[in-house]
Amino acid sequence: MIVHNFNPIMIDLGIFQIKWYSMAYILGIAVGWIYANRIIKSSAINNYNFHQIKKSDFDNLIIYLVLGIIIGGRLGYILFYNLTYYFNNFLEIFKIWEGGMSFHGGLLGVIISILYFSKKTNTNFFKYADIICCVAPIGIFLGRIANFINGELYGKISNVPWAIIFPNGGNVSRHPSQLYEAMLEGILLFILVNFLALKKNLIVKTGYVSSFFLISYSILRILSENFREPDHHIGYLFNYFSMGTLLSILTLAGGFLIIFFIKKNAQNN
């Protein structure tokens, strides 16, 4: 039987602390930025669609993306998962270093950021979105690892050999669902999206990478939700769907809608 005993604090200087959760976001953005620039550079050599994007433009986009991730992720968590609590504890909204971020909220924040920046630079929205979808699994992977270190978002009760007793999960062993999500939504999704985008030249068709990312992420998230303990204050919506599953159904539909509109525009042209 494995007992979770990870310290969520990475560095403790007394009056100043750096938590693994915060470092996951910083590292995810930094590594994603570096990898995105490699894609842009490679695309210029191979004459892919991304070659139309200047490295300097993408560098300028980063600040908008960071704001979109943080503000969208936080507001998404508040609205989707814990509105009553934050309504009664307003100042807690600003303590993002303690956790409480929503992927789907962050996704909306990123979409809004790209929409604004693409209009500002007069560039096709999907030129940026497709690149970001190639690198997003990096941040997702690190975020889920941070969730595991924090001992949050743990799984359902289980007797599998690798089950873990989490500090806040009672004296019972549970699925390490954070690690399942890290492998599925992080590693596997990264391999799938980048293989099809870069090796199979899916990037030559603007928008298809974004649609494939949404569809693949949604399916993998719905799969992993089967092992994850639902939020106690929410439970199952309609007696069947967790909040994560319900939101992923919406993003799944969004992925198919993108394909529909791409094909519709192609026929009209």
Protein backbone atom coordinates (compact mmCIF):
# COMPACT_ATOMS: atom_id res chain seq x y z
CA MET A 1 0.00 0.00 0.00
CA ILE A 2 1.43 3.37 -1.04
CA VAL A 3 0.95 6.45 1.12
CA HIS A 4 1.14 9.91 -0.47
CA ASN A 5 3.65 12.03 1.42
CA PHE A 6 4.78 14.63 -1.11
CA ASN A 7 5.32 18.19 0.08
CA PRO A 8 3.47 20.68 -2.16
CA ILE A 9 6.09 23.31 -1.30
CA MET A 10 9.13 23.17 -3.57
CA ILE A 11 11.20 25.87 -1.86
CA ASP A 12 10.45 27.36 1.56
CA LEU A 13 12.32 30.52 2.49
CA GLY A 14 10.07 31.36 5.42
CA ILE A 15 8.37 34.51 4.23
CA PHE A 16 8.50 33.31 0.64
CA GLN A 17 7.48 29.95 -0.78
CA ILE A 18 7.58 28.43 -4.23
CA LYS A 19 5.07 25.64 -4.73
CA TRP A 20 5.27 22.83 -7.25
CA TYR A 21 1.89 23.96 -8.60
CA SER A 22 3.20 27.41 -9.49
CA MET A 23 6.41 25.96 -10.93
CA ALA A 24 4.38 23.62 -13.15
CA TYR A 25 2.69 26.61 -14.79
CA ILE A 26 5.94 28.52 -15.20
CA LEU A 27 7.78 25.54 -16.63
CA GLY A 28 4.87 24.56 -18.86
CA ILE A 29 4.69 28.02 -20.42
CA ALA A 30 8.47 28.26 -20.84
CA VAL A 31 8.92 24.82 -22.42
CA GLY A 32 5.82 25.30 -24.56
CA TRP A 33 7.17 28.62 -25.80
CA ILE A 34 10.50 27.06 -26.76
CA TYR A 35 8.83 24.14 -28.54
CA ALA A 36 6.42 26.44 -30.38
CA ASN A 37 9.35 28.45 -31.73
CA ARG A 38 10.96 25.23 -32.94
CA ILE A 39 7.77 24.37 -34.81
CA ILE A 40 7.70 27.80 -36.43
CA LYS A 41 11.36 27.52 -37.43
CA SER A 42 10.85 24.02 -38.83
CA SER A 43 7.74 25.14 -40.69
CA ALA A 44 9.69 27.90 -42.42
CA ILE A 45 12.18 25.32 -43.67
CA ASN A 46 9.52 22.84 -44.81
CA ASN A 47 7.14 25.54 -46.11
CA TYR A 48 4.28 24.44 -43.85
CA ASN A 49 1.37 26.73 -43.02
CA PHE A 50 3.06 27.98 -39.88
CA HIS A 51 5.83 29.62 -41.93
CA GLN A 52 3.52 32.62 -42.33
CA ILE A 53 3.85 33.35 -38.61
CA LYS A 54 6.81 35.38 -37.47
CA LYS A 55 8.66 34.28 -34.38
CA SER A 56 8.43 37.85 -33.06
CA ASP A 57 4.64 37.79 -33.41
CA PHE A 58 4.36 34.55 -31.46
CA ASP A 59 6.68 35.94 -28.79
CA ASN A 60 4.34 38.91 -28.44
CA LEU A 61 1.38 36.55 -28.16
CA ILE A 62 2.82 34.83 -25.08
CA ILE A 63 1.81 37.56 -22.63
CA TYR A 64 -1.79 37.35 -23.87
CA LEU A 65 -1.72 33.56 -23.54
CA VAL A 66 -0.38 33.73 -19.98
CA LEU A 67 -3.17 36.11 -18.99
CA GLY A 68 -5.72 33.93 -20.76
CA ILE A 69 -4.51 30.78 -19.00
CA ILE A 70 -4.42 32.33 -15.52
CA ILE A 71 -7.55 34.48 -15.66
CA GLY A 72 -9.58 31.97 -17.68
CA GLY A 73 -8.40 29.00 -15.64
CA ARG A 74 -9.23 30.69 -12.36
CA LEU A 75 -12.59 32.10 -13.41
CA GLY A 76 -13.48 28.77 -14.99
CA TYR A 77 -12.79 26.95 -11.72
CA ILE A 78 -14.84 29.49 -9.79
CA LEU A 79 -17.82 29.41 -12.15
CA PHE A 80 -17.81 25.70 -13.00
CA TYR A 81 -16.73 24.14 -9.73
CA ASN A 82 -17.05 26.36 -6.65
CA LEU A 83 -19.06 29.53 -7.22
CA THR A 84 -20.79 29.54 -3.83
CA TYR A 85 -17.54 29.22 -1.87
CA TYR A 86 -15.79 32.06 -3.69
CA PHE A 87 -18.89 34.23 -3.54
CA ASN A 88 -18.69 33.99 0.24
CA ASN A 89 -14.86 34.19 0.35
CA PHE A 90 -14.05 36.77 -2.29
CA LEU A 91 -10.38 37.32 -1.38
CA GLU A 92 -9.68 33.62 -1.86
CA ILE A 93 -10.15 34.17 -5.60
CA PHE A 94 -6.70 35.76 -5.82
CA LYS A 95 -4.83 32.90 -4.10
CA ILE A 96 -4.13 31.01 -7.32
CA TRP A 97 -0.89 29.59 -5.91
CA GLU A 98 -2.99 27.36 -3.68
CA GLY A 99 -4.55 25.64 -6.70
CA GLY A 100 -8.01 25.77 -8.14
CA MET A 101 -7.68 26.10 -11.90
CA SER A 102 -9.93 24.72 -14.61
CA PHE A 103 -8.58 23.41 -17.92
CA HIS A 104 -11.79 24.30 -19.72
CA GLY A 105 -11.74 27.80 -18.25
CA GLY A 106 -8.12 28.18 -19.29
CA LEU A 107 -9.07 26.95 -22.76
CA LEU A 108 -11.69 29.68 -23.07
CA GLY A 109 -9.16 32.22 -21.86
CA VAL A 110 -6.64 31.11 -24.47
CA ILE A 111 -9.25 31.20 -27.24
CA ILE A 112 -10.22 34.76 -26.33
CA SER A 113 -6.54 35.76 -26.18
CA ILE A 114 -5.82 34.31 -29.64
CA LEU A 115 -8.96 35.90 -31.09
CA TYR A 116 -7.89 39.31 -29.86
CA PHE A 117 -4.27 38.93 -30.98
CA SER A 118 -5.11 37.44 -34.37
CA LYS A 119 -7.40 40.38 -35.14
CA LYS A 120 -4.75 42.79 -33.91
CA THR A 121 -2.14 41.26 -36.23
CA ASN A 122 -4.61 40.47 -39.03
CA THR A 123 -3.71 36.77 -38.95
CA ASN A 124 -5.92 33.70 -39.25
CA PHE A 125 -6.98 32.56 -35.76
CA PHE A 126 -6.10 28.92 -36.45
CA LYS A 127 -2.54 29.76 -37.51
CA TYR A 128 -1.82 30.47 -33.86
CA ALA A 129 -4.30 28.01 -32.38
CA ASP A 130 -2.86 25.04 -34.29
CA ILE A 131 0.63 25.72 -32.95
CA ILE A 132 -0.63 26.13 -29.40
CA CYS A 133 -2.51 22.83 -29.65
CA CYS A 134 0.79 21.12 -30.49
CA VAL A 135 2.43 22.41 -27.32
CA ALA A 136 -0.54 22.48 -24.90
CA PRO A 137 -0.12 18.84 -23.74
CA ILE A 138 3.22 19.85 -22.20
CA GLY A 139 1.48 22.22 -19.81
CA ILE A 140 -1.33 19.75 -19.18
CA PHE A 141 1.17 17.04 -18.24
CA LEU A 142 3.03 19.27 -15.79
CA GLY A 143 -0.23 20.55 -14.32
CA ARG A 144 -1.45 17.02 -13.61
CA ILE A 145 1.86 16.12 -12.00
CA ALA A 146 1.44 19.17 -9.78
CA ASN A 147 -2.10 18.00 -8.92
CA PHE A 148 -0.61 14.67 -7.84
CA ILE A 149 2.06 16.32 -5.69
CA ASN A 150 -0.64 18.47 -4.07
CA GLY A 151 -2.68 15.35 -3.37
CA GLU A 152 -5.74 16.88 -5.03
CA LEU A 153 -8.14 15.61 -7.70
CA TYR A 154 -7.47 12.07 -6.53
CA GLY A 155 -9.23 9.02 -7.90
CA LYS A 156 -11.91 6.64 -6.76
CA ILE A 157 -11.37 3.95 -4.16
CA SER A 158 -9.38 1.07 -5.62
CA ASN A 159 -7.36 -2.00 -4.67
CA VAL A 160 -5.03 -2.00 -7.67
CA PRO A 161 -1.37 -2.56 -6.66
CA TRP A 162 -0.45 1.04 -7.46
CA ALA A 163 -3.38 2.57 -5.52
CA ILE A 164 -2.39 5.40 -3.17
CA ILE A 165 -3.70 6.73 0.13
CA PHE A 166 -4.04 10.50 -0.25
CA PRO A 167 -3.98 12.80 2.82
CA ASN A 168 -7.37 14.32 2.04
CA GLY A 169 -8.93 11.17 0.61
CA GLY A 170 -9.55 9.28 3.82
CA ASN A 171 -7.79 6.16 5.05
CA VAL A 172 -8.48 4.25 1.85
CA SER A 173 -6.39 3.57 -1.23
CA ARG A 174 -7.39 5.30 -4.45
CA HIS A 175 -6.55 5.48 -8.12
CA PRO A 176 -3.78 8.02 -8.80
CA SER A 177 -6.07 9.58 -11.40
CA GLN A 178 -3.81 12.63 -11.71
CA LEU A 179 -1.09 10.37 -13.12
CA TYR A 180 -3.58 8.70 -15.47
CA GLU A 181 -4.50 12.14 -16.78
CA ALA A 182 -0.84 13.14 -17.05
CA MET A 183 -0.18 10.10 -19.23
CA LEU A 184 -3.36 10.35 -21.31
CA GLU A 185 -3.93 14.11 -21.65
CA GLY A 186 -0.24 14.92 -21.51
CA ILE A 187 2.06 12.30 -23.03
CA LEU A 188 -0.35 10.38 -25.26
CA LEU A 189 -2.11 13.53 -26.49
CA PHE A 190 1.25 15.18 -27.26
CA ILE A 191 2.34 12.19 -29.33
CA LEU A 192 -0.95 11.96 -31.24
CA VAL A 193 -1.31 15.66 -32.03
CA ASN A 194 2.31 16.21 -33.00
CA PHE A 195 2.52 13.02 -35.05
CA LEU A 196 -0.49 13.96 -37.13
CA ALA A 197 0.37 17.67 -37.27
CA LEU A 198 4.05 17.43 -38.11
CA LYS A 199 4.72 13.94 -39.43
CA LYS A 200 1.49 13.52 -41.39
CA ASN A 201 1.41 17.18 -42.48
CA LEU A 202 -2.00 17.88 -40.96
CA ILE A 203 -0.77 21.42 -40.36
CA VAL A 204 -1.09 22.19 -44.06
CA LYS A 205 -4.85 22.27 -43.46
CA THR A 206 -5.47 25.23 -41.17
CA GLY A 207 -7.76 24.42 -38.25
CA TYR A 208 -7.57 20.63 -38.37
CA VAL A 209 -4.93 20.45 -35.64
CA SER A 210 -7.16 22.47 -33.32
CA SER A 211 -10.16 20.27 -34.04
CA PHE A 212 -8.15 17.08 -33.55
CA PHE A 213 -6.78 18.41 -30.27
CA LEU A 214 -10.24 19.22 -28.92
CA ILE A 215 -11.67 15.88 -29.98
CA SER A 216 -8.73 13.84 -28.67
CA TYR A 217 -8.43 15.74 -25.39
CA SER A 218 -12.16 15.43 -24.75
CA ILE A 219 -12.20 11.68 -25.33
CA LEU A 220 -9.13 11.10 -23.13
CA ARG A 221 -10.52 13.37 -20.41
CA ILE A 222 -13.88 11.58 -20.42
CA LEU A 223 -12.02 8.28 -20.15
CA SER A 224 -9.91 9.46 -17.22
CA GLU A 225 -12.96 10.91 -15.44
CA ASN A 226 -14.15 7.32 -14.92
CA PHE A 227 -11.28 6.87 -12.44
CA ARG A 228 -11.49 10.29 -10.80
CA GLU A 229 -13.46 11.04 -7.65
CA PRO A 230 -16.05 13.73 -8.47
CA ASP A 231 -16.01 16.93 -6.45
CA HIS A 232 -17.93 16.20 -3.25
CA HIS A 233 -19.86 19.47 -3.34
CA ILE A 234 -20.93 18.81 -6.95
CA GLY A 235 -21.17 15.05 -7.31
CA TYR A 236 -22.60 13.72 -10.55
CA LEU A 237 -24.72 16.00 -12.69
CA PHE A 238 -27.91 14.35 -13.96
CA ASN A 239 -26.82 11.41 -11.76
CA TYR A 240 -24.22 10.37 -14.31
CA PHE A 241 -21.86 13.11 -15.54
CA SER A 242 -19.05 14.67 -13.57
CA MET A 243 -18.46 18.35 -14.28
CA GLY A 244 -15.27 17.46 -16.15
CA THR A 245 -17.14 14.98 -18.34
CA LEU A 246 -19.92 17.44 -19.12
CA LEU A 247 -17.48 20.19 -20.09
CA SER A 248 -15.49 17.73 -22.20
CA ILE A 249 -18.63 16.75 -24.10
CA LEU A 250 -18.97 20.42 -25.03
CA THR A 251 -15.35 20.65 -26.21
CA LEU A 252 -15.83 17.40 -28.12
CA ALA A 253 -18.75 18.98 -29.95
CA GLY A 254 -16.62 22.07 -30.53
CA GLY A 255 -13.95 19.98 -32.23
CA PHE A 256 -16.44 18.48 -34.66
CA LEU A 257 -17.98 21.90 -35.32
CA ILE A 258 -14.59 23.22 -36.40
CA ILE A 259 -14.27 20.41 -38.96
CA PHE A 260 -17.80 21.10 -40.19
CA PHE A 261 -17.12 24.81 -40.75
CA ILE A 262 -13.74 24.14 -42.38
CA LYS A 263 -15.34 21.80 -44.90
CA LYS A 264 -18.27 24.14 -45.41
CA ASN A 265 -15.93 27.05 -46.18
CA ALA A 266 -13.91 24.87 -48.52
CA GLN A 267 -17.04 23.98 -50.49
CA ASN A 268 -18.08 27.62 -50.73
CA ASN A 269 -14.67 28.55 -52.05
